N, C-alpha and C. Protein backbone atom coordinates (compact mmCIF):
# COMPACT_ATOMS: atom_id res chain seq x y z
N MET A 1 -15.99 76.89 -36.80
CA MET A 1 -15.52 76.17 -37.98
C MET A 1 -14.88 74.84 -37.58
N ALA A 2 -15.42 74.16 -36.62
CA ALA A 2 -14.80 72.95 -36.13
C ALA A 2 -15.34 71.68 -36.77
N ALA A 3 -16.45 71.80 -37.53
CA ALA A 3 -17.05 70.60 -38.11
C ALA A 3 -16.17 70.02 -39.19
N GLU A 4 -16.22 68.69 -39.32
CA GLU A 4 -15.45 68.04 -40.36
C GLU A 4 -16.15 68.22 -41.70
N PRO A 5 -15.39 68.42 -42.79
CA PRO A 5 -16.01 68.51 -44.11
C PRO A 5 -16.42 67.14 -44.59
N HIS A 6 -17.41 67.11 -45.46
CA HIS A 6 -17.80 65.83 -46.06
C HIS A 6 -16.81 65.48 -47.15
N ALA A 7 -16.72 64.20 -47.47
CA ALA A 7 -15.88 63.77 -48.58
C ALA A 7 -16.30 64.49 -49.84
N GLY A 8 -15.30 64.89 -50.62
CA GLY A 8 -15.59 65.59 -51.86
C GLY A 8 -15.96 67.03 -51.65
N ALA A 9 -15.66 67.62 -50.47
CA ALA A 9 -16.00 69.01 -50.22
C ALA A 9 -15.36 69.90 -51.27
N GLY A 10 -16.10 70.94 -51.68
CA GLY A 10 -15.61 71.83 -52.72
C GLY A 10 -16.07 71.33 -54.07
N SER A 11 -16.00 72.20 -55.05
CA SER A 11 -16.42 71.82 -56.39
C SER A 11 -15.31 71.06 -57.09
N ALA A 12 -15.66 70.39 -58.20
CA ALA A 12 -14.66 69.65 -58.95
C ALA A 12 -13.59 70.59 -59.49
N ALA A 13 -14.00 71.82 -59.86
CA ALA A 13 -13.05 72.77 -60.42
C ALA A 13 -12.16 73.35 -59.33
N GLU A 14 -12.70 73.55 -58.16
CA GLU A 14 -11.95 74.16 -57.07
C GLU A 14 -12.14 73.34 -55.79
N PRO A 15 -11.46 72.23 -55.68
CA PRO A 15 -11.62 71.39 -54.49
C PRO A 15 -11.03 72.05 -53.27
N LYS A 16 -11.53 71.65 -52.11
CA LYS A 16 -10.90 72.09 -50.87
C LYS A 16 -9.54 71.41 -50.73
N LEU A 17 -8.65 72.06 -50.00
CA LEU A 17 -7.26 71.64 -49.99
C LEU A 17 -6.76 71.40 -48.58
N LEU A 18 -6.19 70.23 -48.35
CA LEU A 18 -5.47 69.98 -47.09
C LEU A 18 -4.21 70.83 -47.06
N ILE A 19 -3.93 71.42 -45.92
CA ILE A 19 -2.74 72.26 -45.79
C ILE A 19 -1.53 71.39 -45.51
N ASP A 20 -0.48 71.56 -46.28
CA ASP A 20 0.80 70.95 -45.98
C ASP A 20 1.69 71.99 -45.31
N LEU A 21 2.55 71.53 -44.41
CA LEU A 21 3.42 72.46 -43.68
C LEU A 21 4.26 73.32 -44.62
N SER A 22 4.65 72.77 -45.76
CA SER A 22 5.47 73.53 -46.70
C SER A 22 4.74 74.76 -47.22
N ALA A 23 3.41 74.67 -47.35
CA ALA A 23 2.63 75.83 -47.78
C ALA A 23 2.42 76.80 -46.63
N TRP A 24 2.05 76.28 -45.46
CA TRP A 24 1.87 77.14 -44.29
C TRP A 24 3.14 77.96 -44.01
N ALA A 25 4.29 77.32 -44.07
CA ALA A 25 5.55 77.98 -43.73
C ALA A 25 5.88 79.10 -44.70
N ARG A 26 5.31 79.08 -45.90
CA ARG A 26 5.60 80.11 -46.91
C ARG A 26 4.41 81.03 -47.15
N SER A 27 3.37 80.90 -46.36
CA SER A 27 2.15 81.67 -46.61
C SER A 27 2.35 83.17 -46.42
N ALA A 28 3.38 83.58 -45.67
CA ALA A 28 3.65 85.00 -45.46
C ALA A 28 4.65 85.55 -46.48
N HIS A 29 5.12 84.73 -47.39
CA HIS A 29 6.05 85.19 -48.42
C HIS A 29 5.35 86.22 -49.30
N PRO A 30 6.03 87.32 -49.66
CA PRO A 30 5.37 88.36 -50.48
C PRO A 30 4.74 87.84 -51.76
N GLU A 31 5.31 86.78 -52.32
CA GLU A 31 4.77 86.22 -53.56
C GLU A 31 3.62 85.24 -53.30
N ALA A 32 3.30 85.00 -52.01
CA ALA A 32 2.27 84.01 -51.70
C ALA A 32 1.11 84.56 -50.88
N THR A 33 1.29 85.72 -50.26
CA THR A 33 0.27 86.22 -49.33
C THR A 33 -1.09 86.44 -50.00
N ALA A 34 -1.08 86.98 -51.20
CA ALA A 34 -2.36 87.27 -51.87
C ALA A 34 -3.12 85.98 -52.16
N ARG A 35 -2.42 84.99 -52.67
CA ARG A 35 -3.07 83.71 -52.98
C ARG A 35 -3.58 83.05 -51.72
N TRP A 36 -2.76 83.05 -50.68
CA TRP A 36 -3.17 82.45 -49.41
C TRP A 36 -4.43 83.13 -48.89
N ALA A 37 -4.47 84.46 -48.95
CA ALA A 37 -5.63 85.21 -48.46
C ALA A 37 -6.90 84.85 -49.22
N VAL A 38 -6.78 84.66 -50.53
CA VAL A 38 -7.93 84.27 -51.34
C VAL A 38 -8.44 82.89 -50.94
N LEU A 39 -7.51 81.95 -50.75
CA LEU A 39 -7.91 80.60 -50.37
C LEU A 39 -8.59 80.58 -49.00
N VAL A 40 -8.09 81.40 -48.07
CA VAL A 40 -8.72 81.49 -46.75
C VAL A 40 -10.11 82.12 -46.88
N ALA A 41 -10.20 83.21 -47.64
CA ALA A 41 -11.49 83.89 -47.80
C ALA A 41 -12.52 82.99 -48.46
N GLU A 42 -12.08 82.13 -49.36
CA GLU A 42 -13.00 81.21 -50.05
C GLU A 42 -13.26 79.94 -49.24
N ASP A 43 -12.69 79.86 -48.05
CA ASP A 43 -12.88 78.71 -47.16
C ASP A 43 -12.49 77.40 -47.86
N ARG A 44 -11.37 77.43 -48.55
CA ARG A 44 -10.93 76.25 -49.30
C ARG A 44 -9.86 75.44 -48.57
N LEU A 45 -9.35 75.94 -47.45
CA LEU A 45 -8.25 75.27 -46.77
C LEU A 45 -8.76 74.42 -45.60
N ILE A 46 -8.21 73.22 -45.47
CA ILE A 46 -8.62 72.26 -44.47
C ILE A 46 -7.42 71.87 -43.61
N ALA A 47 -7.59 71.92 -42.29
CA ALA A 47 -6.55 71.46 -41.37
C ALA A 47 -6.70 69.96 -41.13
N HIS A 48 -5.63 69.35 -40.66
CA HIS A 48 -5.65 67.92 -40.33
C HIS A 48 -4.50 67.67 -39.36
N PRO A 49 -4.55 66.59 -38.57
CA PRO A 49 -3.55 66.39 -37.52
C PRO A 49 -2.15 66.16 -38.03
N LEU A 50 -1.98 65.63 -39.23
CA LEU A 50 -0.64 65.43 -39.77
C LEU A 50 0.07 66.77 -39.93
N PHE A 51 -0.63 67.75 -40.47
CA PHE A 51 -0.10 69.10 -40.59
C PHE A 51 0.05 69.75 -39.23
N ALA A 52 -0.97 69.65 -38.39
CA ALA A 52 -0.96 70.36 -37.11
C ALA A 52 0.18 69.89 -36.21
N ILE A 53 0.40 68.58 -36.14
CA ILE A 53 1.46 68.07 -35.28
C ILE A 53 2.81 68.55 -35.76
N GLU A 54 3.03 68.55 -37.07
CA GLU A 54 4.30 69.06 -37.61
C GLU A 54 4.46 70.54 -37.29
N MET A 55 3.41 71.32 -37.48
CA MET A 55 3.51 72.76 -37.26
C MET A 55 3.71 73.09 -35.79
N LEU A 56 2.93 72.42 -34.93
CA LEU A 56 3.01 72.71 -33.49
C LEU A 56 4.31 72.22 -32.88
N HIS A 57 4.98 71.30 -33.53
CA HIS A 57 6.29 70.83 -33.07
C HIS A 57 7.28 71.98 -32.93
N ASN A 58 7.11 73.03 -33.74
CA ASN A 58 8.06 74.14 -33.75
C ASN A 58 7.77 75.20 -32.70
N ALA A 59 6.70 75.05 -31.92
CA ALA A 59 6.39 76.03 -30.87
C ALA A 59 7.52 76.07 -29.84
N ILE A 60 7.87 77.28 -29.38
CA ILE A 60 9.02 77.42 -28.48
C ILE A 60 8.63 77.44 -27.01
N ASN A 61 7.33 77.57 -26.72
CA ASN A 61 6.89 77.57 -25.32
C ASN A 61 5.39 77.25 -25.29
N PRO A 62 4.84 76.97 -24.10
CA PRO A 62 3.42 76.61 -24.01
C PRO A 62 2.48 77.69 -24.54
N GLN A 63 2.83 78.96 -24.33
CA GLN A 63 1.97 80.04 -24.80
C GLN A 63 1.87 80.03 -26.33
N GLN A 64 3.02 79.91 -26.98
CA GLN A 64 3.00 79.89 -28.44
C GLN A 64 2.28 78.66 -28.97
N TYR A 65 2.49 77.52 -28.30
CA TYR A 65 1.79 76.29 -28.70
C TYR A 65 0.28 76.51 -28.65
N GLY A 66 -0.19 77.07 -27.55
CA GLY A 66 -1.63 77.31 -27.40
C GLY A 66 -2.16 78.29 -28.42
N ASP A 67 -1.38 79.35 -28.70
CA ASP A 67 -1.81 80.35 -29.67
C ASP A 67 -1.91 79.75 -31.07
N LEU A 68 -0.92 78.94 -31.42
CA LEU A 68 -0.93 78.32 -32.75
C LEU A 68 -2.09 77.33 -32.88
N ARG A 69 -2.29 76.55 -31.83
CA ARG A 69 -3.39 75.58 -31.86
C ARG A 69 -4.73 76.30 -31.99
N GLU A 70 -4.90 77.38 -31.28
CA GLU A 70 -6.15 78.14 -31.36
C GLU A 70 -6.34 78.74 -32.74
N ALA A 71 -5.23 79.21 -33.35
CA ALA A 71 -5.32 79.80 -34.68
C ALA A 71 -5.79 78.76 -35.70
N ILE A 72 -5.29 77.53 -35.57
CA ILE A 72 -5.72 76.47 -36.49
C ILE A 72 -7.19 76.13 -36.26
N ASN A 73 -7.57 75.97 -34.99
CA ASN A 73 -8.96 75.60 -34.68
C ASN A 73 -9.95 76.66 -35.14
N ALA A 74 -9.57 77.93 -34.94
CA ALA A 74 -10.48 79.03 -35.27
C ALA A 74 -10.54 79.30 -36.77
N GLY A 75 -9.47 78.99 -37.48
CA GLY A 75 -9.39 79.40 -38.87
C GLY A 75 -9.82 78.38 -39.90
N PHE A 76 -9.86 77.09 -39.52
CA PHE A 76 -10.05 76.07 -40.54
C PHE A 76 -10.95 74.94 -40.05
N ASP A 77 -11.68 74.34 -40.98
CA ASP A 77 -12.31 73.05 -40.72
C ASP A 77 -11.22 71.99 -40.63
N TRP A 78 -11.59 70.84 -40.06
CA TRP A 78 -10.64 69.74 -39.90
C TRP A 78 -11.17 68.50 -40.57
N VAL A 79 -10.26 67.64 -41.00
CA VAL A 79 -10.58 66.29 -41.42
C VAL A 79 -9.57 65.37 -40.75
N TRP A 80 -10.04 64.14 -40.38
CA TRP A 80 -9.21 63.27 -39.55
C TRP A 80 -8.91 61.96 -40.27
N PRO A 81 -7.68 61.48 -40.19
CA PRO A 81 -7.35 60.17 -40.77
C PRO A 81 -7.93 59.04 -39.93
N ASP A 82 -8.11 57.89 -40.57
CA ASP A 82 -8.61 56.71 -39.87
C ASP A 82 -7.95 55.47 -40.47
N GLU A 83 -8.52 54.31 -40.19
CA GLU A 83 -7.92 53.06 -40.67
C GLU A 83 -7.86 53.00 -42.19
N GLU A 84 -8.88 53.53 -42.86
CA GLU A 84 -8.88 53.53 -44.31
C GLU A 84 -7.77 54.42 -44.87
N THR A 85 -7.50 55.53 -44.19
CA THR A 85 -6.39 56.38 -44.60
C THR A 85 -5.09 55.59 -44.62
N ALA A 86 -4.87 54.81 -43.57
CA ALA A 86 -3.66 54.01 -43.48
C ALA A 86 -3.58 53.00 -44.61
N ARG A 87 -4.71 52.36 -44.94
CA ARG A 87 -4.72 51.38 -46.02
C ARG A 87 -4.34 52.04 -47.35
N ILE A 88 -4.90 53.22 -47.61
CA ILE A 88 -4.59 53.93 -48.85
C ILE A 88 -3.11 54.31 -48.88
N ALA A 89 -2.58 54.77 -47.75
CA ALA A 89 -1.17 55.16 -47.69
C ALA A 89 -0.26 53.97 -48.00
N VAL A 90 -0.61 52.80 -47.46
CA VAL A 90 0.19 51.60 -47.73
C VAL A 90 0.14 51.26 -49.22
N ARG A 91 -1.05 51.38 -49.83
CA ARG A 91 -1.15 51.11 -51.26
C ARG A 91 -0.29 52.07 -52.07
N ILE A 92 -0.32 53.35 -51.69
CA ILE A 92 0.49 54.34 -52.38
C ILE A 92 1.97 53.96 -52.30
N GLN A 93 2.42 53.65 -51.11
CA GLN A 93 3.83 53.32 -50.93
C GLN A 93 4.22 52.08 -51.72
N GLU A 94 3.36 51.05 -51.69
CA GLU A 94 3.65 49.82 -52.43
C GLU A 94 3.75 50.09 -53.93
N ARG A 95 2.84 50.90 -54.45
CA ARG A 95 2.88 51.20 -55.88
C ARG A 95 4.12 51.99 -56.24
N MET A 96 4.47 52.94 -55.41
CA MET A 96 5.67 53.73 -55.67
C MET A 96 6.91 52.84 -55.65
N ALA A 97 6.98 51.93 -54.68
CA ALA A 97 8.13 51.04 -54.57
C ALA A 97 8.26 50.13 -55.79
N SER A 98 7.14 49.83 -56.44
CA SER A 98 7.17 48.92 -57.60
C SER A 98 7.63 49.61 -58.88
N THR A 99 7.71 50.94 -58.87
CA THR A 99 8.03 51.66 -60.11
C THR A 99 9.53 51.78 -60.36
N ALA A 100 10.32 51.85 -59.30
CA ALA A 100 11.77 52.02 -59.42
C ALA A 100 12.40 51.78 -58.06
N PRO A 101 13.69 51.42 -58.01
CA PRO A 101 14.35 51.23 -56.72
C PRO A 101 14.25 52.49 -55.86
N ALA A 102 13.83 52.31 -54.62
CA ALA A 102 13.76 53.40 -53.63
C ALA A 102 12.76 54.49 -54.00
N ALA A 103 11.86 54.23 -54.95
CA ALA A 103 10.91 55.26 -55.38
C ALA A 103 9.95 55.66 -54.28
N GLN A 104 9.80 54.82 -53.25
CA GLN A 104 8.88 55.11 -52.16
C GLN A 104 9.49 56.04 -51.11
N ARG A 105 10.73 56.44 -51.29
CA ARG A 105 11.42 57.21 -50.25
C ARG A 105 11.10 58.70 -50.30
N VAL A 106 9.84 59.00 -50.14
CA VAL A 106 9.41 60.38 -49.89
C VAL A 106 8.98 60.44 -48.43
N LYS A 107 8.73 61.63 -47.93
CA LYS A 107 8.38 61.78 -46.52
C LYS A 107 7.08 61.03 -46.20
N THR A 108 7.11 60.27 -45.11
CA THR A 108 5.96 59.48 -44.71
C THR A 108 4.73 60.35 -44.51
N VAL A 109 4.91 61.51 -43.89
CA VAL A 109 3.76 62.39 -43.64
C VAL A 109 3.13 62.84 -44.95
N ASP A 110 3.93 62.98 -46.01
CA ASP A 110 3.38 63.39 -47.31
C ASP A 110 2.55 62.28 -47.93
N ILE A 111 3.00 61.04 -47.80
CA ILE A 111 2.19 59.91 -48.29
C ILE A 111 0.87 59.85 -47.54
N LEU A 112 0.90 60.01 -46.22
CA LEU A 112 -0.33 59.97 -45.43
C LEU A 112 -1.26 61.13 -45.79
N THR A 113 -0.69 62.31 -46.02
CA THR A 113 -1.53 63.46 -46.39
C THR A 113 -2.17 63.24 -47.75
N ALA A 114 -1.41 62.70 -48.70
CA ALA A 114 -1.99 62.40 -50.01
C ALA A 114 -3.09 61.35 -49.89
N ALA A 115 -2.86 60.36 -49.03
CA ALA A 115 -3.88 59.33 -48.81
C ALA A 115 -5.15 59.93 -48.23
N LEU A 116 -5.00 60.83 -47.28
CA LEU A 116 -6.16 61.50 -46.66
C LEU A 116 -6.92 62.32 -47.69
N ALA A 117 -6.19 63.01 -48.56
CA ALA A 117 -6.83 63.80 -49.62
C ALA A 117 -7.59 62.90 -50.58
N SER A 118 -6.97 61.80 -50.98
CA SER A 118 -7.64 60.87 -51.91
C SER A 118 -8.90 60.28 -51.28
N GLN A 119 -8.81 59.92 -50.02
CA GLN A 119 -9.94 59.31 -49.31
C GLN A 119 -11.16 60.22 -49.28
N HIS A 120 -10.93 61.52 -49.12
CA HIS A 120 -12.05 62.46 -48.94
C HIS A 120 -12.33 63.32 -50.17
N GLY A 121 -11.68 63.02 -51.29
CA GLY A 121 -11.93 63.81 -52.50
C GLY A 121 -11.43 65.22 -52.38
N LEU A 122 -10.34 65.41 -51.66
CA LEU A 122 -9.76 66.73 -51.44
C LEU A 122 -8.46 66.86 -52.22
N GLY A 123 -7.86 68.04 -52.14
CA GLY A 123 -6.54 68.26 -52.71
C GLY A 123 -5.53 68.53 -51.61
N VAL A 124 -4.29 68.76 -52.00
CA VAL A 124 -3.24 69.15 -51.07
C VAL A 124 -2.61 70.44 -51.57
N LEU A 125 -2.54 71.44 -50.70
CA LEU A 125 -1.83 72.68 -51.01
C LEU A 125 -0.44 72.58 -50.40
N HIS A 126 0.58 72.73 -51.22
CA HIS A 126 1.94 72.46 -50.75
C HIS A 126 2.94 73.31 -51.51
N TYR A 127 4.19 73.17 -51.12
CA TYR A 127 5.34 73.69 -51.88
C TYR A 127 6.45 72.65 -51.73
N ASP A 128 6.22 71.48 -52.33
CA ASP A 128 7.05 70.31 -52.05
C ASP A 128 6.96 69.33 -53.22
N THR A 129 8.10 69.00 -53.82
CA THR A 129 8.10 68.10 -54.98
C THR A 129 7.66 66.69 -54.65
N ASP A 130 7.66 66.32 -53.37
CA ASP A 130 7.19 64.98 -53.00
C ASP A 130 5.81 64.69 -53.55
N TYR A 131 4.93 65.69 -53.52
CA TYR A 131 3.55 65.45 -53.95
C TYR A 131 3.45 65.21 -55.45
N ASP A 132 4.32 65.83 -56.23
CA ASP A 132 4.35 65.53 -57.66
C ASP A 132 4.71 64.06 -57.88
N PHE A 133 5.68 63.59 -57.11
CA PHE A 133 6.15 62.22 -57.23
C PHE A 133 5.05 61.25 -56.79
N ILE A 134 4.37 61.57 -55.67
CA ILE A 134 3.28 60.71 -55.19
C ILE A 134 2.13 60.68 -56.20
N LYS A 135 1.81 61.83 -56.75
CA LYS A 135 0.73 61.90 -57.75
C LYS A 135 1.08 61.07 -58.98
N GLU A 136 2.34 61.13 -59.40
CA GLU A 136 2.77 60.44 -60.61
C GLU A 136 2.82 58.93 -60.43
N ARG A 137 3.28 58.47 -59.24
CA ARG A 137 3.57 57.05 -59.09
C ARG A 137 2.72 56.34 -58.04
N GLY A 138 1.94 57.08 -57.27
CA GLY A 138 1.21 56.46 -56.17
C GLY A 138 -0.08 55.78 -56.54
N GLY A 139 -0.67 56.16 -57.68
CA GLY A 139 -1.85 55.46 -58.18
C GLY A 139 -3.16 55.81 -57.51
N GLU A 140 -3.17 56.80 -56.61
CA GLU A 140 -4.42 57.21 -55.95
C GLU A 140 -4.74 58.65 -56.37
N PRO A 141 -5.99 58.92 -56.74
CA PRO A 141 -6.33 60.27 -57.23
C PRO A 141 -6.41 61.29 -56.09
N PHE A 142 -5.79 62.42 -56.28
CA PHE A 142 -5.97 63.58 -55.40
C PHE A 142 -5.53 64.82 -56.18
N HIS A 143 -6.10 65.96 -55.84
CA HIS A 143 -5.74 67.21 -56.50
C HIS A 143 -4.44 67.73 -55.90
N ASN A 144 -3.45 67.94 -56.75
CA ASN A 144 -2.10 68.30 -56.35
C ASN A 144 -1.86 69.76 -56.72
N GLU A 145 -1.76 70.65 -55.72
CA GLU A 145 -1.71 72.09 -56.01
C GLU A 145 -0.55 72.77 -55.28
N TRP A 146 0.31 73.44 -56.03
CA TRP A 146 1.40 74.22 -55.45
C TRP A 146 0.88 75.57 -54.98
N LEU A 147 1.42 76.06 -53.85
CA LEU A 147 1.06 77.39 -53.38
C LEU A 147 1.51 78.44 -54.38
N ALA A 148 2.65 78.22 -54.99
CA ALA A 148 3.19 79.09 -56.03
C ALA A 148 4.03 78.23 -56.95
N GLU A 149 4.36 78.77 -58.09
CA GLU A 149 5.20 78.04 -59.04
C GLU A 149 6.49 77.59 -58.37
N ARG A 150 6.89 76.37 -58.67
CA ARG A 150 8.09 75.81 -58.07
C ARG A 150 9.29 76.74 -58.28
N GLY A 151 10.01 77.03 -57.20
CA GLY A 151 11.18 77.89 -57.25
C GLY A 151 10.88 79.35 -56.98
N LYS A 152 9.62 79.77 -57.10
CA LYS A 152 9.27 81.18 -56.98
C LYS A 152 9.43 81.69 -55.57
N LEU A 153 9.25 80.82 -54.58
CA LEU A 153 9.32 81.26 -53.18
C LEU A 153 10.66 80.91 -52.54
N ASP A 154 11.59 80.42 -53.32
CA ASP A 154 12.90 80.04 -52.77
C ASP A 154 13.86 81.21 -52.81
N THR A 155 14.65 81.33 -51.76
CA THR A 155 15.78 82.25 -51.77
C THR A 155 16.94 81.57 -52.49
N GLY A 156 18.04 82.30 -52.68
CA GLY A 156 19.22 81.69 -53.28
C GLY A 156 19.68 80.50 -52.48
N ALA A 157 19.69 80.64 -51.14
CA ALA A 157 20.11 79.54 -50.27
C ALA A 157 19.12 78.39 -50.37
N GLY A 158 17.84 78.71 -50.47
CA GLY A 158 16.83 77.68 -50.58
C GLY A 158 16.95 76.88 -51.86
N LEU A 159 17.26 77.58 -52.96
CA LEU A 159 17.44 76.88 -54.23
C LEU A 159 18.63 75.94 -54.18
N LYS A 160 19.71 76.40 -53.56
CA LYS A 160 20.89 75.54 -53.45
C LYS A 160 20.61 74.33 -52.58
N LYS A 161 19.88 74.53 -51.47
CA LYS A 161 19.52 73.41 -50.61
C LYS A 161 18.66 72.40 -51.36
N ALA A 162 17.69 72.90 -52.12
CA ALA A 162 16.83 72.01 -52.89
C ALA A 162 17.62 71.25 -53.94
N ALA A 163 18.56 71.93 -54.59
CA ALA A 163 19.37 71.27 -55.61
C ALA A 163 20.22 70.17 -54.99
N ARG A 164 20.81 70.46 -53.83
CA ARG A 164 21.63 69.44 -53.16
C ARG A 164 20.78 68.22 -52.78
N GLY A 165 19.57 68.48 -52.29
CA GLY A 165 18.69 67.37 -51.94
C GLY A 165 18.34 66.53 -53.16
N THR A 166 18.10 67.20 -54.29
CA THR A 166 17.76 66.48 -55.52
C THR A 166 18.93 65.62 -55.98
N TYR A 167 20.13 66.18 -55.91
CA TYR A 167 21.32 65.42 -56.34
C TYR A 167 21.56 64.22 -55.41
N LYS A 168 21.40 64.43 -54.10
CA LYS A 168 21.61 63.33 -53.17
C LYS A 168 20.61 62.20 -53.43
N LYS A 169 19.37 62.58 -53.69
CA LYS A 169 18.35 61.58 -53.96
C LYS A 169 18.67 60.82 -55.24
N ALA A 170 19.09 61.56 -56.29
CA ALA A 170 19.43 60.93 -57.56
C ALA A 170 20.61 59.98 -57.39
N PHE A 171 21.59 60.39 -56.59
CA PHE A 171 22.76 59.54 -56.35
C PHE A 171 22.34 58.25 -55.65
N GLY A 172 21.52 58.38 -54.62
CA GLY A 172 21.07 57.20 -53.89
C GLY A 172 20.27 56.25 -54.76
N GLU A 173 19.41 56.81 -55.62
CA GLU A 173 18.60 55.97 -56.51
C GLU A 173 19.47 55.17 -57.48
N ARG A 174 20.59 55.73 -57.87
CA ARG A 174 21.48 55.03 -58.79
C ARG A 174 22.35 54.00 -58.08
N MET A 175 22.87 54.34 -56.92
CA MET A 175 23.73 53.42 -56.19
C MET A 175 22.97 52.18 -55.73
N ILE A 176 21.68 52.37 -55.39
CA ILE A 176 20.93 51.24 -54.85
C ILE A 176 20.64 50.18 -55.91
N GLN A 177 20.79 50.53 -57.18
CA GLN A 177 20.55 49.56 -58.24
C GLN A 177 21.72 48.59 -58.44
N LEU A 178 22.86 48.89 -57.83
CA LEU A 178 24.01 48.01 -57.96
C LEU A 178 23.82 46.79 -57.08
N GLN A 179 23.81 45.61 -57.69
CA GLN A 179 23.54 44.37 -56.98
C GLN A 179 24.80 43.50 -56.91
N ASP A 180 24.73 42.46 -56.06
CA ASP A 180 25.80 41.46 -55.97
C ASP A 180 27.16 42.10 -55.70
N ASP A 181 27.19 43.04 -54.77
CA ASP A 181 28.42 43.69 -54.34
C ASP A 181 29.08 44.54 -55.42
N GLU A 182 28.33 44.86 -56.49
CA GLU A 182 28.89 45.74 -57.51
C GLU A 182 29.21 47.12 -56.95
N ASP A 183 28.50 47.52 -55.88
CA ASP A 183 28.78 48.83 -55.29
C ASP A 183 30.20 48.89 -54.73
N LEU A 184 30.74 47.73 -54.30
CA LEU A 184 32.10 47.71 -53.76
C LEU A 184 33.15 47.94 -54.85
N VAL A 185 32.73 47.76 -56.10
CA VAL A 185 33.60 48.09 -57.23
C VAL A 185 33.49 49.56 -57.58
N VAL A 186 32.27 50.09 -57.49
CA VAL A 186 32.03 51.48 -57.90
C VAL A 186 32.53 52.47 -56.87
N TRP A 187 32.39 52.15 -55.57
CA TRP A 187 32.80 53.10 -54.54
C TRP A 187 34.25 53.57 -54.69
N PRO A 188 35.24 52.66 -54.86
CA PRO A 188 36.62 53.14 -55.02
C PRO A 188 36.80 54.07 -56.22
N GLU A 189 36.05 53.78 -57.30
CA GLU A 189 36.13 54.65 -58.47
C GLU A 189 35.59 56.04 -58.15
N LEU A 190 34.48 56.09 -57.40
CA LEU A 190 33.91 57.38 -57.02
C LEU A 190 34.84 58.14 -56.09
N ILE A 191 35.42 57.43 -55.11
CA ILE A 191 36.35 58.08 -54.19
C ILE A 191 37.55 58.63 -54.95
N GLY A 192 38.07 57.85 -55.91
CA GLY A 192 39.20 58.32 -56.70
C GLY A 192 38.86 59.57 -57.49
N TRP A 193 37.66 59.59 -58.08
CA TRP A 193 37.25 60.78 -58.84
C TRP A 193 37.11 62.00 -57.93
N LEU A 194 36.54 61.80 -56.74
CA LEU A 194 36.40 62.91 -55.81
C LEU A 194 37.76 63.44 -55.36
N GLU A 195 38.71 62.54 -55.15
CA GLU A 195 40.05 62.97 -54.76
C GLU A 195 40.71 63.80 -55.86
N GLU A 196 40.46 63.43 -57.12
CA GLU A 196 40.97 64.23 -58.23
C GLU A 196 40.37 65.63 -58.22
N GLN A 197 39.06 65.71 -57.92
CA GLN A 197 38.39 67.01 -57.86
C GLN A 197 38.95 67.87 -56.73
N LEU A 198 39.19 67.25 -55.55
CA LEU A 198 39.75 67.99 -54.42
C LEU A 198 41.16 68.48 -54.74
N SER A 199 41.97 67.60 -55.32
CA SER A 199 43.36 67.96 -55.63
C SER A 199 43.40 69.10 -56.64
N SER A 200 42.53 69.05 -57.65
CA SER A 200 42.54 70.09 -58.68
C SER A 200 42.14 71.45 -58.12
N ARG A 201 41.48 71.46 -56.96
CA ARG A 201 41.07 72.71 -56.31
C ARG A 201 42.01 73.09 -55.16
N GLY A 202 43.07 72.35 -55.02
CA GLY A 202 44.05 72.64 -53.99
C GLY A 202 43.56 72.35 -52.58
N LEU A 203 42.62 71.42 -52.43
CA LEU A 203 42.05 71.12 -51.12
C LEU A 203 42.72 69.89 -50.53
N ASP A 204 42.70 69.81 -49.21
CA ASP A 204 43.32 68.69 -48.51
C ASP A 204 42.52 67.41 -48.74
N LEU A 205 43.22 66.31 -48.85
CA LEU A 205 42.56 65.01 -49.00
C LEU A 205 42.40 64.35 -47.64
N PRO A 206 41.22 63.84 -47.33
CA PRO A 206 41.04 63.09 -46.09
C PRO A 206 41.77 61.75 -46.21
N PRO A 207 41.97 61.06 -45.10
CA PRO A 207 42.62 59.74 -45.18
C PRO A 207 41.77 58.77 -45.99
N PRO A 208 42.41 57.76 -46.60
CA PRO A 208 41.65 56.78 -47.40
C PRO A 208 40.71 55.98 -46.53
N PRO A 209 39.65 55.42 -47.13
CA PRO A 209 38.70 54.60 -46.35
C PRO A 209 39.41 53.42 -45.68
N ASP A 210 39.07 53.17 -44.45
CA ASP A 210 39.67 52.09 -43.69
C ASP A 210 38.83 50.82 -43.88
N VAL A 211 39.04 50.13 -45.02
CA VAL A 211 38.28 48.92 -45.33
C VAL A 211 39.22 47.74 -45.51
């Protein structure tokens, strides 16, 4: 199964899907194993170096690295990015940046994976909100498919981590819109509000900012 798929592999109703690490990492989840098995049996999943390099990064020794690499090679067809992939990725990022301040700040590997999918008429199988954002604002067509409904594969800790990430992103998107040093006016107000929250909970206050 080492041959590269042709562009547009798979039917329009059920396109072949590039694997994102977020889907691979959750493929053994009890709520995802059946779906993953069906996709594998239907030969709908496609490997690519963006996914493979991320996944193999986590190998703890040469033996595990080799085993994981062999599992990918034996289990999936591959598709490879090229110069055109890079051009599409740049277009996606530029369009996202034009929609709102910092709108392009999703993971670079996700933009490249979406570009690769668009280039070859493929989809992306994932468990990552970045792809929803890229699909909405990136302007390049690709099939965007979650491994499972958002939130279904998260533990309590995972949901809290995701919520914190969402809040941090929302905060950054708002602060970056302050121009002409207006942020220097807002920061003291935010610090004052946070100190009120800490005091009301009986928590120690850190020293004031040294500005």
